Amino acid sequence: MNEIENEISVRLDKWLWVARFYKTRSLAKAMIDGGKVHYNQGRVKPNKQVSVGAKIRLRQGNEEKEIIVQALADKRGSATFAQTLYEETLQSREKRENIAQARKNFALSMPHPARRPTKKERRELLKFKAQN
């Protein structure tokens, strides 16, 4: 048998679910339909067949990842197995770390008060805001 016959074909929504980027296939499909997933720098449909070596850019919450497909699978396994299916690019990892650090710095620069303002303090704040 040659390699082509042994190779499996997997839909993009299923592969994203197997690789544990999204919790359900329907959520993966919704993200693809919503334009949050790009396959080789272009928008695609959920039934796009994934190939090894393809670049996928996807968004998960506030994070955007760019990954390269290393292997195909059609059955969901453990998280360690899922991590063997792809490799995140170095630029993507650095960008995510920089954004995370900026978010931490921003949170530290705007500390939250230890308690909520009292009714009197709220009135004073509203009065002060109305003056400006």
N, C-alpha and C. Protein backbone atom coordinates (compact mmCIF):
# COMPACT_ATOMS: atom_id res chain seq x y z
N MET A 1 0.84 -1.19 0.00
CA MET A 1 0.00 0.00 0.00
C MET A 1 0.88 1.25 0.00
N ASN A 2 0.41 2.27 -0.69
CA ASN A 2 1.18 3.51 -0.68
C ASN A 2 0.68 4.43 0.43
N GLU A 3 1.39 5.55 0.65
CA GLU A 3 1.09 6.45 1.75
C GLU A 3 -0.26 7.14 1.60
N ILE A 4 -0.67 7.41 0.39
CA ILE A 4 -1.92 8.14 0.17
C ILE A 4 -3.11 7.33 0.65
N GLU A 5 -3.09 6.02 0.47
CA GLU A 5 -4.20 5.19 0.93
C GLU A 5 -4.25 5.11 2.46
N ASN A 6 -3.10 5.16 3.11
CA ASN A 6 -3.06 5.11 4.57
C ASN A 6 -3.44 6.44 5.21
N GLU A 7 -3.28 7.51 4.48
CA GLU A 7 -3.53 8.84 5.02
C GLU A 7 -5.03 9.06 5.20
N ILE A 8 -5.41 9.59 6.35
CA ILE A 8 -6.82 9.87 6.60
C ILE A 8 -7.14 11.31 6.19
N SER A 9 -8.39 11.57 5.90
CA SER A 9 -8.80 12.94 5.61
C SER A 9 -9.73 13.38 6.73
N VAL A 10 -9.49 14.59 7.24
CA VAL A 10 -10.23 15.11 8.38
C VAL A 10 -10.73 16.50 8.05
N ARG A 11 -11.98 16.74 8.40
CA ARG A 11 -12.56 18.07 8.23
C ARG A 11 -11.91 19.04 9.23
N LEU A 12 -11.87 20.32 8.87
CA LEU A 12 -11.23 21.32 9.72
C LEU A 12 -11.92 21.43 11.07
N ASP A 13 -13.26 21.46 11.09
CA ASP A 13 -13.95 21.59 12.38
C ASP A 13 -13.67 20.39 13.28
N LYS A 14 -13.59 19.21 12.70
CA LYS A 14 -13.31 18.02 13.49
C LYS A 14 -11.87 18.03 14.00
N TRP A 15 -10.93 18.45 13.15
CA TRP A 15 -9.52 18.48 13.56
C TRP A 15 -9.32 19.47 14.70
N LEU A 16 -9.96 20.66 14.63
CA LEU A 16 -9.84 21.64 15.70
C LEU A 16 -10.40 21.08 17.01
N TRP A 17 -11.46 20.30 16.92
CA TRP A 17 -12.05 19.67 18.11
C TRP A 17 -11.11 18.60 18.65
N VAL A 18 -10.56 17.76 17.76
CA VAL A 18 -9.64 16.69 18.17
C VAL A 18 -8.38 17.28 18.80
N ALA A 19 -7.89 18.40 18.25
CA ALA A 19 -6.68 19.04 18.77
C ALA A 19 -6.97 19.88 20.01
N ARG A 20 -8.20 19.85 20.48
CA ARG A 20 -8.65 20.50 21.72
C ARG A 20 -8.52 22.02 21.71
N PHE A 21 -8.75 22.64 20.56
CA PHE A 21 -8.80 24.09 20.52
C PHE A 21 -10.19 24.56 20.93
N TYR A 22 -11.20 23.77 20.63
CA TYR A 22 -12.58 24.10 20.99
C TYR A 22 -13.21 22.90 21.66
N LYS A 23 -14.12 23.16 22.60
CA LYS A 23 -14.70 22.12 23.42
C LYS A 23 -15.66 21.20 22.65
N THR A 24 -16.36 21.75 21.67
CA THR A 24 -17.29 20.95 20.88
C THR A 24 -17.06 21.21 19.40
N ARG A 25 -17.52 20.27 18.57
CA ARG A 25 -17.42 20.46 17.12
C ARG A 25 -18.31 21.60 16.67
N SER A 26 -19.47 21.73 17.28
CA SER A 26 -20.37 22.81 16.88
C SER A 26 -19.77 24.17 17.20
N LEU A 27 -19.02 24.28 18.29
CA LEU A 27 -18.34 25.53 18.61
C LEU A 27 -17.22 25.79 17.60
N ALA A 28 -16.50 24.76 17.21
CA ALA A 28 -15.45 24.90 16.19
C ALA A 28 -16.06 25.36 14.88
N LYS A 29 -17.21 24.78 14.51
CA LYS A 29 -17.90 25.17 13.28
C LYS A 29 -18.35 26.62 13.34
N ALA A 30 -18.87 27.04 14.49
CA ALA A 30 -19.32 28.42 14.65
C ALA A 30 -18.14 29.40 14.53
N MET A 31 -16.99 29.05 15.07
CA MET A 31 -15.81 29.91 14.99
C MET A 31 -15.31 30.01 13.54
N ILE A 32 -15.36 28.91 12.82
CA ILE A 32 -14.94 28.93 11.41
C ILE A 32 -15.91 29.78 10.60
N ASP A 33 -17.21 29.57 10.81
CA ASP A 33 -18.22 30.35 10.09
C ASP A 33 -18.14 31.83 10.44
N GLY A 34 -17.75 32.14 11.68
CA GLY A 34 -17.65 33.53 12.12
C GLY A 34 -16.37 34.22 11.69
N GLY A 35 -15.49 33.54 10.99
CA GLY A 35 -14.26 34.16 10.50
C GLY A 35 -13.14 34.21 11.53
N LYS A 36 -13.25 33.43 12.60
CA LYS A 36 -12.22 33.43 13.65
C LYS A 36 -11.09 32.45 13.33
N VAL A 37 -11.30 31.61 12.31
CA VAL A 37 -10.29 30.63 11.92
C VAL A 37 -9.93 30.85 10.46
N HIS A 38 -8.62 30.97 10.19
CA HIS A 38 -8.13 31.14 8.82
C HIS A 38 -7.18 29.99 8.50
N TYR A 39 -7.38 29.38 7.35
CA TYR A 39 -6.58 28.23 6.91
C TYR A 39 -5.73 28.70 5.74
N ASN A 40 -4.42 28.67 5.90
CA ASN A 40 -3.48 29.15 4.88
C ASN A 40 -3.84 30.57 4.42
N GLN A 41 -3.98 31.48 5.36
CA GLN A 41 -4.26 32.91 5.15
C GLN A 41 -5.59 33.19 4.46
N GLY A 42 -6.55 32.30 4.56
CA GLY A 42 -7.84 32.56 3.93
C GLY A 42 -8.98 31.98 4.74
N ARG A 43 -10.16 32.57 4.57
CA ARG A 43 -11.34 32.03 5.23
C ARG A 43 -11.78 30.77 4.50
N VAL A 44 -12.26 29.82 5.25
CA VAL A 44 -12.69 28.54 4.68
C VAL A 44 -14.00 28.11 5.32
N LYS A 45 -14.53 27.02 4.81
CA LYS A 45 -15.74 26.42 5.37
C LYS A 45 -15.34 25.29 6.32
N PRO A 46 -16.23 24.90 7.21
CA PRO A 46 -15.89 23.84 8.18
C PRO A 46 -15.54 22.50 7.54
N ASN A 47 -16.02 22.23 6.34
CA ASN A 47 -15.74 20.94 5.72
C ASN A 47 -14.43 20.90 4.94
N LYS A 48 -13.59 21.92 5.05
CA LYS A 48 -12.29 21.95 4.40
C LYS A 48 -11.43 20.80 4.93
N GLN A 49 -10.79 20.06 4.02
CA GLN A 49 -9.94 18.95 4.41
C GLN A 49 -8.58 19.50 4.87
N VAL A 50 -8.16 19.09 6.04
CA VAL A 50 -6.90 19.55 6.63
C VAL A 50 -5.76 18.73 6.06
N SER A 51 -4.64 19.39 5.80
CA SER A 51 -3.45 18.68 5.32
C SER A 51 -2.27 19.02 6.23
N VAL A 52 -1.34 18.10 6.32
CA VAL A 52 -0.14 18.29 7.15
C VAL A 52 0.69 19.42 6.55
N GLY A 53 1.18 20.31 7.40
CA GLY A 53 1.99 21.44 6.96
C GLY A 53 1.19 22.71 6.75
N ALA A 54 -0.12 22.64 6.88
CA ALA A 54 -0.97 23.82 6.67
C ALA A 54 -0.85 24.76 7.87
N LYS A 55 -0.97 26.06 7.58
CA LYS A 55 -0.95 27.08 8.64
C LYS A 55 -2.39 27.44 8.98
N ILE A 56 -2.68 27.41 10.27
CA ILE A 56 -4.01 27.78 10.75
C ILE A 56 -3.86 28.91 11.75
N ARG A 57 -4.60 29.98 11.54
CA ARG A 57 -4.63 31.11 12.48
C ARG A 57 -6.00 31.11 13.13
N LEU A 58 -6.05 31.03 14.45
CA LEU A 58 -7.33 30.96 15.13
C LEU A 58 -7.34 31.86 16.35
N ARG A 59 -8.54 32.22 16.73
CA ARG A 59 -8.72 33.10 17.88
C ARG A 59 -9.47 32.33 18.96
N GLN A 60 -8.94 32.42 20.18
CA GLN A 60 -9.58 31.82 21.35
C GLN A 60 -9.69 32.91 22.41
N GLY A 61 -10.85 33.47 22.55
CA GLY A 61 -11.03 34.56 23.51
C GLY A 61 -10.22 35.77 23.06
N ASN A 62 -9.31 36.22 23.91
CA ASN A 62 -8.47 37.37 23.58
C ASN A 62 -7.19 36.96 22.85
N GLU A 63 -6.90 35.68 22.83
CA GLU A 63 -5.64 35.21 22.25
C GLU A 63 -5.82 34.80 20.80
N GLU A 64 -4.79 35.12 20.01
CA GLU A 64 -4.76 34.68 18.62
C GLU A 64 -3.52 33.82 18.44
N LYS A 65 -3.71 32.61 17.91
CA LYS A 65 -2.62 31.66 17.74
C LYS A 65 -2.43 31.36 16.26
N GLU A 66 -1.19 31.14 15.89
CA GLU A 66 -0.87 30.66 14.54
C GLU A 66 -0.13 29.34 14.71
N ILE A 67 -0.72 28.29 14.14
CA ILE A 67 -0.16 26.96 14.32
C ILE A 67 0.10 26.31 12.97
N ILE A 68 0.95 25.30 13.00
CA ILE A 68 1.25 24.50 11.81
C ILE A 68 0.83 23.07 12.11
N VAL A 69 0.04 22.48 11.23
CA VAL A 69 -0.47 21.13 11.42
C VAL A 69 0.69 20.14 11.25
N GLN A 70 0.90 19.31 12.28
CA GLN A 70 1.97 18.31 12.25
C GLN A 70 1.45 16.91 11.92
N ALA A 71 0.21 16.63 12.35
CA ALA A 71 -0.36 15.29 12.12
C ALA A 71 -1.87 15.39 12.07
N LEU A 72 -2.50 14.36 11.51
CA LEU A 72 -3.95 14.31 11.41
C LEU A 72 -4.49 13.22 12.33
N ALA A 73 -5.67 13.46 12.88
CA ALA A 73 -6.35 12.46 13.69
C ALA A 73 -7.84 12.75 13.61
N ASP A 74 -8.63 11.70 13.71
CA ASP A 74 -10.08 11.90 13.65
C ASP A 74 -10.78 11.47 14.93
N LYS A 75 -9.99 11.04 15.94
CA LYS A 75 -10.55 10.67 17.23
C LYS A 75 -9.90 11.49 18.32
N ARG A 76 -10.73 12.04 19.19
CA ARG A 76 -10.24 12.89 20.27
C ARG A 76 -9.59 12.03 21.34
N GLY A 77 -8.41 12.44 21.76
CA GLY A 77 -7.67 11.71 22.78
C GLY A 77 -7.29 12.63 23.93
N SER A 78 -6.22 12.28 24.60
CA SER A 78 -5.77 13.07 25.74
C SER A 78 -5.18 14.41 25.27
N ALA A 79 -4.98 15.30 26.22
CA ALA A 79 -4.41 16.61 25.89
C ALA A 79 -2.97 16.47 25.40
N THR A 80 -2.23 15.53 25.96
CA THR A 80 -0.84 15.34 25.51
C THR A 80 -0.81 14.82 24.07
N PHE A 81 -1.76 13.96 23.72
CA PHE A 81 -1.87 13.49 22.33
C PHE A 81 -2.24 14.66 21.42
N ALA A 82 -3.17 15.50 21.87
CA ALA A 82 -3.63 16.63 21.05
C ALA A 82 -2.47 17.59 20.76
N GLN A 83 -1.55 17.76 21.70
CA GLN A 83 -0.43 18.68 21.50
C GLN A 83 0.55 18.17 20.46
N THR A 84 0.52 16.89 20.15
CA THR A 84 1.42 16.35 19.13
C THR A 84 0.89 16.61 17.72
N LEU A 85 -0.35 17.05 17.60
CA LEU A 85 -0.97 17.26 16.29
C LEU A 85 -0.56 18.59 15.64
N TYR A 86 -0.02 19.52 16.43
CA TYR A 86 0.30 20.84 15.90
C TYR A 86 1.53 21.42 16.60
N GLU A 87 2.04 22.49 16.00
CA GLU A 87 3.15 23.24 16.60
C GLU A 87 2.85 24.71 16.42
N GLU A 88 2.93 25.45 17.50
CA GLU A 88 2.69 26.89 17.44
C GLU A 88 3.95 27.59 16.93
N THR A 89 3.77 28.58 16.06
CA THR A 89 4.93 29.29 15.52
C THR A 89 5.58 30.15 16.60
N LEU A 90 6.86 30.42 16.43
CA LEU A 90 7.61 31.20 17.41
C LEU A 90 7.07 32.63 17.51
N GLN A 91 6.74 33.24 16.37
CA GLN A 91 6.21 34.60 16.39
C GLN A 91 4.89 34.66 17.15
N SER A 92 4.05 33.68 16.96
CA SER A 92 2.76 33.63 17.63
C SER A 92 2.94 33.52 19.14
N ARG A 93 3.82 32.65 19.56
CA ARG A 93 4.07 32.45 20.99
C ARG A 93 4.61 33.73 21.62
N GLU A 94 5.57 34.39 20.95
CA GLU A 94 6.14 35.64 21.49
C GLU A 94 5.08 36.73 21.57
N LYS A 95 4.25 36.83 20.55
CA LYS A 95 3.20 37.85 20.53
C LYS A 95 2.21 37.63 21.67
N ARG A 96 1.80 36.38 21.89
CA ARG A 96 0.88 36.07 22.98
C ARG A 96 1.49 36.41 24.34
N GLU A 97 2.78 36.08 24.52
CA GLU A 97 3.46 36.38 25.79
C GLU A 97 3.56 37.88 26.02
N ASN A 98 3.85 38.65 24.96
CA ASN A 98 3.94 40.11 25.09
C ASN A 98 2.58 40.71 25.46
N ILE A 99 1.52 40.22 24.84
CA ILE A 99 0.18 40.72 25.13
C ILE A 99 -0.21 40.37 26.57
N ALA A 100 0.13 39.16 27.00
CA ALA A 100 -0.18 38.75 28.37
C ALA A 100 0.57 39.62 29.38
N GLN A 101 1.82 39.92 29.10
CA GLN A 101 2.62 40.78 29.99
C GLN A 101 2.04 42.19 30.04
N ALA A 102 1.62 42.70 28.88
CA ALA A 102 1.02 44.04 28.84
C ALA A 102 -0.28 44.07 29.64
N ARG A 103 -1.06 43.00 29.55
CA ARG A 103 -2.31 42.91 30.31
C ARG A 103 -2.03 42.92 31.81
N LYS A 104 -0.99 42.18 32.24
CA LYS A 104 -0.62 42.14 33.65
C LYS A 104 -0.16 43.52 34.12
N ASN A 105 0.65 44.18 33.30
CA ASN A 105 1.14 45.52 33.67
C ASN A 105 -0.01 46.52 33.78
N PHE A 106 -0.97 46.42 32.87
CA PHE A 106 -2.12 47.31 32.90
C PHE A 106 -2.94 47.07 34.17
N ALA A 107 -3.13 45.82 34.54
CA ALA A 107 -3.90 45.50 35.74
C ALA A 107 -3.20 46.02 36.98
N LEU A 108 -1.87 45.97 36.99
CA LEU A 108 -1.12 46.46 38.15
C LEU A 108 -1.15 47.98 38.24
N SER A 109 -1.26 48.66 37.10
CA SER A 109 -1.26 50.12 37.11
C SER A 109 -2.60 50.71 37.54
N MET A 110 -3.65 49.90 37.53
CA MET A 110 -4.98 50.37 37.92
C MET A 110 -5.51 49.48 39.04
N PRO A 111 -4.99 49.64 40.27
CA PRO A 111 -5.43 48.75 41.34
C PRO A 111 -6.89 49.01 41.72
N HIS A 112 -7.53 47.96 42.18
CA HIS A 112 -8.91 48.07 42.63
C HIS A 112 -8.94 48.46 44.10
N PRO A 113 -9.93 49.24 44.51
CA PRO A 113 -10.01 49.58 45.94
C PRO A 113 -10.30 48.33 46.77
N ALA A 114 -9.98 48.42 48.05
CA ALA A 114 -10.16 47.27 48.94
C ALA A 114 -11.63 47.00 49.21
N ARG A 115 -12.47 48.02 49.08
CA ARG A 115 -13.90 47.84 49.35
C ARG A 115 -14.72 48.72 48.43
N ARG A 116 -16.02 48.47 48.40
CA ARG A 116 -16.92 49.31 47.60
C ARG A 116 -17.17 50.63 48.33
N PRO A 117 -17.44 51.71 47.58
CA PRO A 117 -17.72 52.97 48.26
C PRO A 117 -19.05 52.91 49.03
N THR A 118 -19.11 53.66 50.10
CA THR A 118 -20.35 53.73 50.88
C THR A 118 -21.35 54.60 50.13
N LYS A 119 -22.57 54.65 50.64
CA LYS A 119 -23.61 55.44 49.99
C LYS A 119 -23.22 56.92 49.96
N LYS A 120 -22.64 57.40 51.03
CA LYS A 120 -22.20 58.80 51.10
C LYS A 120 -21.09 59.06 50.08
N GLU A 121 -20.11 58.14 49.99
CA GLU A 121 -19.00 58.30 49.05
C GLU A 121 -19.50 58.25 47.61
N ARG A 122 -20.50 57.41 47.33
CA ARG A 122 -21.07 57.35 45.98
C ARG A 122 -21.73 58.67 45.61
N ARG A 123 -22.47 59.26 46.54
CA ARG A 123 -23.10 60.56 46.28
C ARG A 123 -22.06 61.62 45.98
N GLU A 124 -20.96 61.60 46.77
CA GLU A 124 -19.89 62.58 46.54
C GLU A 124 -19.23 62.37 45.17
N LEU A 125 -19.04 61.11 44.78
CA LEU A 125 -18.47 60.82 43.47
C LEU A 125 -19.38 61.33 42.35
N LEU A 126 -20.69 61.07 42.47
CA LEU A 126 -21.63 61.54 41.45
C LEU A 126 -21.67 63.05 41.39
N LYS A 127 -21.62 63.70 42.54
CA LYS A 127 -21.60 65.16 42.58
C LYS A 127 -20.35 65.71 41.90
N PHE A 128 -19.20 65.06 42.18
CA PHE A 128 -17.93 65.48 41.59
C PHE A 128 -17.94 65.30 40.07
N LYS A 129 -18.47 64.17 39.61
CA LYS A 129 -18.54 63.90 38.18
C LYS A 129 -19.48 64.86 37.47
N ALA A 130 -20.55 65.26 38.13
CA ALA A 130 -21.51 66.18 37.53
C ALA A 130 -20.91 67.57 37.36
N GLN A 131 -19.95 67.95 38.21
CA GLN A 131 -19.33 69.27 38.12
C GLN A 131 -18.47 69.38 36.86
N ASN A 132 -17.87 68.30 36.45
CA ASN A 132 -16.95 68.33 35.30
C ASN A 132 -17.66 68.05 34.06
